[in-house]
Amino acid sequence: MSRLHQRAIVIGAGMGGLSSAGALSPYFEEIIVLDRDTLPSSAASRAGTPQDRHPHGLLAGGLQALNALLPGFERALADAGAVPINGFREIQFERPDVGPLPRRDCGTTILSASRPLIEAVLRQRVAALANVTLQSDCRVTELVADGGRPSARFVSGDGAVSTIEADLVIDASGRGALTLALLDKLGLPRPAETAVGVDISYTTALLPWPAGESRDWELAATHADPPALTTAAILMPTGEGRCLVTLSEHHASTRPQTWDEMLAALRRVKTQTIYNAVRHLPPLEGLRHFVLDESCWRHFERLERLPDGVLPIADSLCRFNPIYGQGMTVAALQAKLLRDSLGRLAGEADPIAALQRQFMTEVGPLLLAPWGMGVNADFAYPGTRGERPERYDESRQFEAALFRAVVADPVVQTAFSDVIQLVKPFELLQSPDIQRRIEAHAQPPADRIQASAG
């Protein structure tokens, strides 16, 4: 394939930036990835991702996208120690309204691993691309786009200030601050924002996870029961005989500070599944805490124009509530969209401007379903700030019927699995056959019995 452009700059070497670099590789002579951290050579936490000591989920849709961008990624992640988990056959997924979901094989497998391991494997695959250069200790301070090619100004670890020009700059820096500052400088309007105040806190412990235990599940998730019970828990293996166990709580006033306090909190969640699995396991290090005040969608896709050659992506566009495990997967799907958009630019007089328009036209629908699934759940908690989505009550009723149908109907459970794994679009749940199956459970069982008697 002949490459169409000379140079691209990617700001940020997290999941969004790395997967974007992989997407750009066939179309640019040179891709330079700039990151403010010293990038580790192995699976290790880094300052730029303070939440990476907590559980992260790479959903099946994200795994597929990364494997398409970087063939062999899935095998490399498995070889590095990630744990394959069949969904739902090996997942204990517990909801307060219907209890544990049936352990059916829904045809998808995820790889459970720590965020540092996933990022390390992705970083190694991207660094192996001949036309990609990863530059550590480079803090980008400013983007410049004044009618010519855009450029990034950055400070190296030794204090030297440099500027690099490019055909395209991808802002995967996390909060979109660089693109927002450039809009201000150019006198262009900022995007509208949709913010949802979740005030969610996490407490995580790293534990040994002995092989060969008499468990019939590999991963467990116990949902909260709002408004009365706002605490949830998850246990996931990370490979190498270890697991992470995490408590999450919306609008918490306190957090566990010791392992005994965490065990006591685990006993207060809806079921004792995770507590019973970890109560005799000694933590391998101290507890870790993380707090997220809000999820935020910056609607760059609604702007009439972006600065020439600048494209925000991943968390710069939309930061999700991490409790739903969507962030890494949506970043990978955006990178796949970036690759697909680049592949459709043949014959365009201004291919970079066409890329900006095409990507922004399609990224909104891509974000809408995962954003909506999370936000609808967030507003069940008292204290959540922001504007409720339209038809919120109707969507909550649909969700209740959906989970009743998931329990009763393997076809619905498989469709639900594909949707929450971001393998298939949300519209699958609105197809005539699935809708008919869900509507059969529109009323709770007692109500259906009473209606039949009447």
Protein backbone atom coordinates (compact mmCIF):
# COMPACT_ATOMS: atom_id res chain seq x y z
CA MET A 1 0.00 0.00 0.00
CA SER A 2 1.37 3.43 -0.92
CA ARG A 3 1.15 5.81 2.01
CA LEU A 4 -0.89 8.96 1.46
CA HIS A 5 0.68 11.37 3.92
CA GLN A 6 4.07 12.22 5.33
CA ARG A 7 3.76 12.57 9.12
CA ALA A 8 1.24 12.20 11.91
CA ILE A 9 1.72 13.12 15.56
CA VAL A 10 -0.17 11.29 18.29
CA ILE A 11 -0.29 12.93 21.72
CA GLY A 12 -0.58 10.34 24.44
CA ALA A 13 0.66 6.74 24.63
CA GLY A 14 -2.33 5.32 26.45
CA MET A 15 -4.89 2.99 24.92
CA GLY A 16 -6.38 5.68 22.68
CA GLY A 17 -3.06 7.01 21.43
CA LEU A 18 -1.42 3.63 20.85
CA SER A 19 -4.38 2.16 19.02
CA SER A 20 -4.62 5.34 16.92
CA ALA A 21 -0.95 5.00 15.98
CA GLY A 22 -1.68 1.46 14.81
CA ALA A 23 -4.60 2.75 12.77
CA LEU A 24 -2.48 5.46 11.09
CA SER A 25 0.47 3.22 10.26
CA PRO A 26 -0.61 2.09 6.76
CA TYR A 27 -1.39 5.66 5.66
CA PHE A 28 1.52 7.81 6.92
CA GLU A 29 5.21 7.65 6.23
CA GLU A 30 5.99 8.51 9.85
CA ILE A 31 4.01 8.48 13.10
CA ILE A 32 5.48 10.07 16.22
CA VAL A 33 3.82 9.30 19.55
CA LEU A 34 4.60 11.81 22.30
CA ASP A 35 3.96 11.03 25.97
CA ARG A 36 4.90 12.93 29.10
CA ASP A 37 5.71 9.77 31.08
CA THR A 38 8.77 7.60 30.96
CA LEU A 39 7.22 4.67 29.16
CA PRO A 40 8.04 1.37 30.90
CA SER A 41 9.58 -1.49 28.97
CA SER A 42 7.30 -4.01 30.68
CA ALA A 43 3.90 -4.17 32.39
CA ALA A 44 4.18 -1.45 35.01
CA SER A 45 2.02 1.36 36.34
CA ARG A 46 2.83 4.89 35.28
CA ALA A 47 1.97 8.35 36.53
CA GLY A 48 -0.10 9.27 33.48
CA THR A 49 -2.70 6.60 34.27
CA PRO A 50 -3.29 6.90 38.03
CA GLN A 51 -6.28 4.56 37.79
CA ASP A 52 -4.30 1.68 36.24
CA ARG A 53 -3.99 -0.22 39.54
CA HIS A 54 -7.75 -0.80 39.46
CA PRO A 55 -9.65 -3.30 37.29
CA HIS A 56 -9.99 -2.52 33.61
CA GLY A 57 -12.02 -4.46 31.11
CA LEU A 58 -11.10 -4.95 27.49
CA LEU A 59 -14.45 -6.08 26.14
CA ALA A 60 -14.78 -8.49 23.24
CA GLY A 61 -15.49 -5.62 20.83
CA GLY A 62 -12.25 -3.90 21.83
CA LEU A 63 -10.26 -7.10 21.55
CA GLN A 64 -11.60 -7.64 18.04
CA ALA A 65 -10.82 -4.04 17.04
CA LEU A 66 -7.23 -4.21 18.31
CA ASN A 67 -6.70 -7.55 16.60
CA ALA A 68 -7.92 -6.02 13.33
CA LEU A 69 -5.58 -3.02 13.72
CA LEU A 70 -2.62 -5.07 14.91
CA PRO A 71 -2.99 -8.69 13.78
CA GLY A 72 -1.75 -11.08 16.45
CA PHE A 73 -2.57 -8.76 19.36
CA GLU A 74 -5.04 -11.19 20.91
CA ARG A 75 -2.54 -14.06 20.81
CA ALA A 76 0.21 -11.82 22.22
CA LEU A 77 -2.01 -10.76 25.11
CA ALA A 78 -2.93 -14.36 25.89
CA ASP A 79 0.74 -15.40 25.70
CA ALA A 80 1.61 -12.60 28.13
CA GLY A 81 -0.64 -14.19 30.76
CA ALA A 82 -4.13 -12.74 30.25
CA VAL A 83 -6.86 -15.12 31.42
CA PRO A 84 -9.46 -16.23 28.84
CA ILE A 85 -13.01 -16.04 30.20
CA ASN A 86 -16.09 -17.31 28.44
CA GLY A 87 -19.09 -15.05 28.73
CA PHE A 88 -21.40 -15.77 30.46
CA ARG A 89 -20.46 -19.35 31.21
CA GLU A 90 -17.54 -18.36 33.44
CA ILE A 91 -18.88 -15.06 34.78
CA GLN A 92 -20.87 -14.72 38.01
CA PHE A 93 -22.93 -11.64 37.10
CA GLU A 94 -25.24 -10.75 39.98
CA ARG A 95 -28.04 -8.19 39.82
CA PRO A 96 -30.35 -7.23 42.69
CA ASP A 97 -33.52 -7.58 40.63
CA VAL A 98 -33.02 -10.99 39.01
CA GLY A 99 -30.10 -12.51 40.93
CA PRO A 100 -27.22 -14.27 39.13
CA LEU A 101 -27.55 -14.42 35.37
CA PRO A 102 -27.56 -17.93 33.89
CA ARG A 103 -24.13 -19.37 33.09
CA ARG A 104 -24.70 -19.89 29.42
CA ASP A 105 -22.07 -19.90 26.69
CA CYS A 106 -22.98 -16.79 24.66
CA GLY A 107 -20.22 -17.24 22.13
CA THR A 108 -17.75 -14.56 23.24
CA THR A 109 -14.47 -14.80 25.11
CA ILE A 110 -12.64 -11.96 26.79
CA LEU A 111 -9.07 -11.81 28.07
CA SER A 112 -8.86 -10.64 31.67
CA ALA A 113 -5.66 -8.78 32.53
CA SER A 114 -4.38 -5.75 34.38
CA ARG A 115 -4.37 -2.39 32.60
CA PRO A 116 -0.53 -2.24 32.69
CA LEU A 117 -0.31 -5.65 31.00
CA ILE A 118 -2.82 -4.75 28.27
CA GLU A 119 -1.08 -1.45 27.65
CA ALA A 120 2.37 -3.06 27.63
CA VAL A 121 1.39 -5.62 25.00
CA LEU A 122 -0.22 -2.91 22.88
CA ARG A 123 2.82 -0.66 23.29
CA GLN A 124 5.15 -3.48 22.19
CA ARG A 125 3.04 -4.22 19.11
CA VAL A 126 2.91 -0.54 18.10
CA ALA A 127 6.62 0.03 18.76
CA ALA A 128 7.39 -2.86 16.42
CA LEU A 129 5.81 -0.98 13.50
CA ALA A 130 8.66 0.31 11.34
CA ASN A 131 7.20 3.78 10.81
CA VAL A 132 6.13 4.46 14.43
CA THR A 133 8.39 6.16 17.00
CA LEU A 134 7.46 6.36 20.68
CA GLN A 135 9.03 9.34 22.45
CA SER A 136 8.94 9.34 26.26
CA ASP A 137 9.33 12.31 28.59
CA CYS A 138 7.76 14.71 26.11
CA ARG A 139 5.14 17.00 27.62
CA VAL A 140 3.15 18.69 24.88
CA THR A 141 2.39 22.26 25.91
CA GLU A 142 0.65 23.67 22.85
CA LEU A 143 -0.88 22.87 19.49
CA VAL A 144 -0.43 25.32 16.63
CA ALA A 145 -2.67 25.45 13.55
CA ASP A 146 -2.59 28.80 11.81
CA GLY A 147 -3.62 27.91 8.29
CA GLY A 148 -0.63 25.74 7.47
CA ARG A 149 0.20 22.26 8.66
CA PRO A 150 -0.50 21.77 12.39
CA SER A 151 2.35 21.35 14.83
CA ALA A 152 2.92 20.28 18.42
CA ARG A 153 5.22 22.12 20.80
CA PHE A 154 6.66 20.05 23.64
CA VAL A 155 9.20 20.06 26.43
CA SER A 156 11.60 17.12 26.68
CA GLY A 157 12.85 15.63 29.92
CA ASP A 158 16.04 17.70 29.70
CA GLY A 159 14.03 20.92 29.45
CA ALA A 160 14.56 21.45 25.74
CA VAL A 161 11.61 22.95 23.84
CA SER A 162 10.87 21.53 20.39
CA THR A 163 8.18 21.88 17.73
CA ILE A 164 7.20 19.20 15.24
CA GLU A 165 5.02 19.86 12.20
CA ALA A 166 2.70 17.22 10.77
CA ASP A 167 -0.12 16.58 8.34
CA LEU A 168 -2.33 15.32 11.19
CA VAL A 169 -2.24 15.67 14.97
CA ILE A 170 -4.25 13.21 17.06
CA ASP A 171 -5.09 14.57 20.52
CA ALA A 172 -5.34 11.49 22.72
CA SER A 173 -4.05 13.36 25.76
CA GLY A 174 -7.04 12.50 27.92
CA ARG A 175 -9.09 15.64 28.55
CA GLY A 176 -8.88 17.44 25.23
CA ALA A 177 -7.24 20.44 26.89
CA LEU A 178 -4.80 21.00 24.04
CA THR A 179 -7.52 21.07 21.40
CA LEU A 180 -9.73 23.27 23.56
CA ALA A 181 -6.87 25.74 24.07
CA LEU A 182 -6.27 25.84 20.33
CA LEU A 183 -9.94 26.57 19.68
CA ASP A 184 -9.70 29.48 22.12
CA LYS A 185 -6.56 30.79 20.43
CA LEU A 186 -8.19 30.66 16.99
CA GLY A 187 -11.37 32.32 18.25
CA LEU A 188 -13.44 29.23 17.44
CA PRO A 189 -16.27 28.05 19.69
CA ARG A 190 -15.69 25.30 22.21
CA PRO A 191 -17.85 22.21 21.97
CA ALA A 192 -20.88 21.78 24.19
CA GLU A 193 -20.37 19.30 27.01
CA THR A 194 -22.64 16.72 28.58
CA ALA A 195 -21.41 16.02 32.09
CA VAL A 196 -22.82 13.54 34.59
CA GLY A 197 -21.61 13.90 38.16
CA VAL A 198 -21.11 10.38 39.48
CA ASP A 199 -18.66 10.95 42.37
CA ILE A 200 -17.66 7.32 42.22
CA SER A 201 -14.87 6.01 44.42
CA TYR A 202 -12.89 2.80 44.12
CA THR A 203 -10.96 0.78 46.66
CA THR A 204 -8.87 -2.03 45.21
CA ALA A 205 -6.75 -4.82 46.66
CA LEU A 206 -4.31 -7.07 44.82
CA LEU A 207 -4.64 -10.64 46.04
CA PRO A 208 -3.22 -14.07 45.28
CA TRP A 209 -5.60 -16.14 43.18
CA PRO A 210 -4.73 -19.81 43.63
CA ALA A 211 -5.20 -22.07 40.63
CA GLY A 212 -7.29 -25.18 40.96
CA GLU A 213 -9.73 -23.81 43.51
CA SER A 214 -13.21 -25.33 43.50
CA ARG A 215 -14.86 -22.36 41.74
CA ASP A 216 -17.26 -22.63 38.85
CA TRP A 217 -16.60 -19.05 37.72
CA GLU A 218 -13.55 -16.98 36.71
CA LEU A 219 -14.88 -13.44 37.17
CA ALA A 220 -17.55 -12.13 39.56
CA ALA A 221 -19.47 -8.85 39.53
CA THR A 222 -22.08 -7.96 42.14
CA HIS A 223 -24.18 -4.93 41.27
CA ALA A 224 -25.37 -2.31 43.71
CA ASP A 225 -29.05 -1.93 44.58
CA PRO A 226 -29.80 1.80 44.40
CA PRO A 227 -31.10 3.89 45.95
CA ALA A 228 -30.70 1.99 49.24
CA LEU A 229 -27.41 0.19 48.52
CA THR A 230 -24.86 2.08 46.42
CA THR A 231 -21.90 -0.29 46.83
CA ALA A 232 -20.88 -2.81 44.17
CA ALA A 233 -17.95 -5.21 43.92
CA ILE A 234 -15.94 -6.96 41.23
CA LEU A 235 -13.29 -9.66 41.28
CA MET A 236 -11.23 -10.31 38.18
CA PRO A 237 -8.09 -12.38 37.56
CA THR A 238 -5.05 -10.62 36.10
CA GLY A 239 -2.89 -13.67 35.35
CA GLU A 240 0.21 -14.95 37.12
CA GLY A 241 -1.90 -16.28 40.00
CA ARG A 242 -3.27 -12.89 41.03
CA CYS A 243 -6.59 -11.08 41.05
CA LEU A 244 -7.97 -7.63 41.75
CA VAL A 245 -10.95 -7.13 44.02
CA THR A 246 -12.62 -3.72 44.00
CA LEU A 247 -15.38 -1.98 45.88
CA SER A 248 -17.09 0.90 44.11
CA GLU A 249 -19.54 3.36 45.59
CA HIS A 250 -21.39 6.37 44.25
CA HIS A 251 -21.21 9.49 46.43
CA ALA A 252 -19.28 7.74 49.23
CA SER A 253 -18.45 9.75 52.34
CA THR A 254 -15.74 7.33 53.51
CA ARG A 255 -13.63 4.55 52.02
CA PRO A 256 -12.03 1.44 53.55
CA GLN A 257 -8.52 2.14 54.78
CA THR A 258 -7.52 -1.36 55.91
CA TRP A 259 -8.11 -4.89 54.63
CA ASP A 260 -10.37 -5.63 57.59
CA GLU A 261 -12.48 -2.59 56.75
CA MET A 262 -12.67 -3.72 53.13
CA LEU A 263 -13.78 -7.21 54.13
CA ALA A 264 -16.46 -5.67 56.31
CA ALA A 265 -17.65 -3.58 53.35
CA LEU A 266 -17.65 -6.64 51.08
CA ARG A 267 -19.99 -8.34 53.52
CA ARG A 268 -22.45 -5.48 53.06
CA VAL A 269 -22.83 -5.79 49.28
CA LYS A 270 -25.85 -7.57 47.88
CA THR A 271 -24.39 -11.10 48.02
CA GLN A 272 -21.53 -12.81 49.81
CA THR A 273 -20.01 -14.31 46.64
CA ILE A 274 -16.90 -12.13 46.46
CA TYR A 275 -16.48 -11.88 50.23
CA ASN A 276 -16.45 -15.67 50.53
CA ALA A 277 -13.94 -15.96 47.70
CA VAL A 278 -11.39 -13.55 49.22
CA ARG A 279 -11.88 -13.55 53.00
CA HIS A 280 -8.95 -15.91 53.60
CA LEU A 281 -6.62 -14.36 51.02
CA PRO A 282 -3.87 -12.03 52.28
CA PRO A 283 -3.49 -8.78 50.29
CA LEU A 284 -0.16 -8.49 48.46
CA GLU A 285 0.11 -4.72 48.94
CA GLY A 286 -1.81 -1.83 50.49
CA LEU A 287 -5.23 -0.72 49.33
CA ARG A 288 -5.46 1.61 46.36
CA HIS A 289 -8.03 4.39 45.98
CA PHE A 290 -9.35 6.34 43.02
CA VAL A 291 -12.16 8.89 42.67
CA LEU A 292 -13.89 10.10 39.51
CA ASP A 293 -16.14 13.11 39.91
CA GLU A 294 -17.86 13.06 36.54
CA SER A 295 -18.10 11.43 33.15
CA CYS A 296 -18.00 13.93 30.30
CA TRP A 297 -18.78 13.95 26.59
CA ARG A 298 -17.25 16.92 24.78
CA HIS A 299 -19.30 17.21 21.62
CA PHE A 300 -16.55 18.02 19.16
CA GLU A 301 -18.67 16.16 16.60
CA ARG A 302 -21.21 19.02 16.69
CA LEU A 303 -18.73 21.76 15.80
CA GLU A 304 -18.92 23.28 12.33
CA ARG A 305 -15.18 22.87 11.99
CA LEU A 306 -12.12 21.71 13.86
CA PRO A 307 -8.68 23.35 13.71
CA ASP A 308 -6.94 22.31 10.50
CA GLY A 309 -5.35 18.88 10.85
CA VAL A 310 -6.27 18.32 14.52
CA LEU A 311 -8.46 15.42 15.64
CA PRO A 312 -9.37 14.71 19.29
CA ILE A 313 -9.98 11.06 20.10
CA ALA A 314 -10.69 8.63 22.97
CA ASP A 315 -10.97 10.33 26.41
CA SER A 316 -10.37 13.71 24.78
CA LEU A 317 -13.79 13.21 23.22
CA CYS A 318 -15.64 11.24 25.84
CA ARG A 319 -14.65 10.00 29.28
CA PHE A 320 -16.89 7.23 30.57
CA ASN A 321 -17.72 6.19 34.10
CA PRO A 322 -15.12 3.40 34.46
CA ILE A 323 -17.43 1.17 36.49
CA TYR A 324 -18.94 -0.09 33.23
CA GLY A 325 -15.60 -1.09 31.71
CA GLN A 326 -16.19 0.60 28.35
CA GLY A 327 -13.35 3.12 28.04
CA MET A 328 -10.56 1.00 26.56
CA THR A 329 -12.92 -0.74 24.16
CA VAL A 330 -14.49 2.50 22.89
CA ALA A 331 -10.98 3.91 22.36
CA ALA A 332 -10.08 0.86 20.26
CA LEU A 333 -13.33 1.14 18.29
CA GLN A 334 -12.58 4.81 17.58
CA ALA A 335 -9.15 3.82 16.30
CA LYS A 336 -10.79 1.21 14.06
CA LEU A 337 -13.13 3.96 12.78
CA LEU A 338 -10.06 6.13 12.14
CA ARG A 339 -8.49 3.35 10.06
CA ASP A 340 -11.75 2.74 8.15
CA SER A 341 -12.18 6.47 7.48
CA LEU A 342 -8.65 6.77 6.11
CA GLY A 343 -9.36 3.89 3.78
CA ARG A 344 -12.23 5.79 2.16
CA LEU A 345 -10.36 8.99 1.29
CA ALA A 346 -9.04 8.12 -2.16
CA GLY A 347 -9.64 10.96 -4.60
CA GLU A 348 -10.34 13.62 -1.96
CA ALA A 349 -8.83 17.01 -2.82
CA ASP A 350 -8.13 17.68 0.89
CA PRO A 351 -7.96 14.23 2.50
CA ILE A 352 -7.17 15.45 6.03
CA ALA A 353 -10.17 17.78 6.11
CA ALA A 354 -12.29 14.97 4.68
CA LEU A 355 -10.97 12.65 7.41
CA GLN A 356 -11.99 15.13 10.11
CA ARG A 357 -15.50 15.46 8.68
CA GLN A 358 -15.99 11.74 8.13
CA PHE A 359 -14.64 10.67 11.52
CA MET A 360 -16.72 13.23 13.40
CA THR A 361 -19.86 12.28 11.47
CA GLU A 362 -19.51 8.64 12.51
CA VAL A 363 -18.02 8.91 15.99
CA GLY A 364 -21.19 10.35 17.54
CA PRO A 365 -23.30 7.25 16.82
CA LEU A 366 -20.39 5.07 17.97
CA LEU A 367 -20.33 6.81 21.36
CA LEU A 368 -24.08 7.07 21.82
CA ALA A 369 -24.88 3.49 22.85
CA PRO A 370 -22.12 2.95 25.46
CA TRP A 371 -22.66 6.45 26.86
CA GLY A 372 -26.40 5.90 27.13
CA MET A 373 -26.08 2.51 28.81
CA GLY A 374 -23.83 3.95 31.49
CA VAL A 375 -25.68 7.22 32.06
CA ASN A 376 -29.07 5.52 32.40
CA ALA A 377 -27.63 3.33 35.15
CA ASP A 378 -25.91 6.29 36.87
CA PHE A 379 -29.16 8.17 37.39
CA ALA A 380 -30.53 5.37 39.56
CA TYR A 381 -28.22 6.68 42.31
CA PRO A 382 -29.34 9.58 44.51
CA GLY A 383 -27.06 12.55 44.15
CA THR A 384 -26.08 11.98 40.52
CA ARG A 385 -25.71 15.41 38.93
CA GLY A 386 -26.71 16.45 35.44
CA GLU A 387 -29.66 16.26 33.11
CA ARG A 388 -31.43 12.92 32.89
CA PRO A 389 -31.59 11.43 29.40
CA GLU A 390 -34.81 11.73 27.46
CA ARG A 391 -37.32 8.94 28.11
CA TYR A 392 -35.33 7.90 31.16
CA ASP A 393 -38.21 6.16 32.95
CA GLU A 394 -39.09 4.26 29.81
CA SER A 395 -35.49 3.11 29.39
CA ARG A 396 -35.39 1.87 33.01
CA GLN A 397 -38.54 -0.13 32.43
CA PHE A 398 -37.00 -1.59 29.28
CA GLU A 399 -33.88 -2.55 31.23
CA ALA A 400 -35.93 -4.33 33.89
CA ALA A 401 -37.80 -6.31 31.24
CA LEU A 402 -34.56 -7.01 29.40
CA PHE A 403 -32.94 -8.67 32.40
CA ARG A 404 -36.01 -10.75 33.13
CA ALA A 405 -35.84 -11.92 29.52
CA VAL A 406 -32.08 -12.55 29.77
CA VAL A 407 -32.70 -14.96 32.63
CA ALA A 408 -35.51 -16.78 30.85
CA ASP A 409 -34.37 -16.76 27.21
CA PRO A 410 -30.91 -17.84 25.92
CA VAL A 411 -31.47 -15.94 22.66
CA VAL A 412 -31.95 -12.68 24.53
CA GLN A 413 -28.95 -13.37 26.75
CA THR A 414 -26.73 -13.91 23.72
CA ALA A 415 -27.96 -10.68 22.13
CA PHE A 416 -27.43 -8.83 25.42
CA SER A 417 -23.90 -10.25 25.68
CA ASP A 418 -23.03 -9.06 22.17
CA VAL A 419 -24.35 -5.56 22.93
CA ILE A 420 -22.65 -5.01 26.29
CA GLN A 421 -19.42 -6.46 24.89
CA LEU A 422 -19.73 -3.80 22.13
CA VAL A 423 -19.51 -6.50 19.47
CA LYS A 424 -22.89 -5.59 17.98
CA PRO A 425 -24.89 -2.34 18.02
CA PHE A 426 -27.54 -1.57 20.62
CA GLU A 427 -30.13 -1.73 17.84
CA LEU A 428 -29.87 -5.51 18.02
CA LEU A 429 -31.99 -5.35 21.19
CA GLN A 430 -34.60 -3.42 19.22
CA SER A 431 -34.88 -5.95 16.40
CA PRO A 432 -38.38 -7.44 16.00
CA ASP A 433 -37.51 -10.92 17.27
CA ILE A 434 -35.58 -9.71 20.34
CA GLN A 435 -38.22 -7.06 21.11
CA ARG A 436 -40.93 -9.70 21.00
CA ARG A 437 -38.98 -11.87 23.41
CA ILE A 438 -38.35 -8.94 25.79
CA GLU A 439 -41.95 -7.78 25.68
CA ALA A 440 -43.00 -11.21 26.88
CA HIS A 441 -41.33 -10.19 30.16
CA ALA A 442 -42.50 -6.57 30.27
CA GLN A 443 -44.26 -7.18 33.59
CA PRO A 444 -42.66 -8.72 36.69
CA PRO A 445 -43.73 -12.34 37.25
CA ALA A 446 -46.24 -11.52 40.02
CA ASP A 447 -47.86 -8.82 37.91
CA ARG A 448 -48.15 -11.20 34.95
CA ILE A 449 -49.82 -13.82 37.14
CA GLN A 450 -52.28 -11.23 38.53
CA ALA A 451 -53.04 -9.95 35.03
CA SER A 452 -53.68 -13.49 33.82
CA ALA A 453 -56.01 -14.17 36.76
CA GLY A 454 -57.93 -10.99 35.99
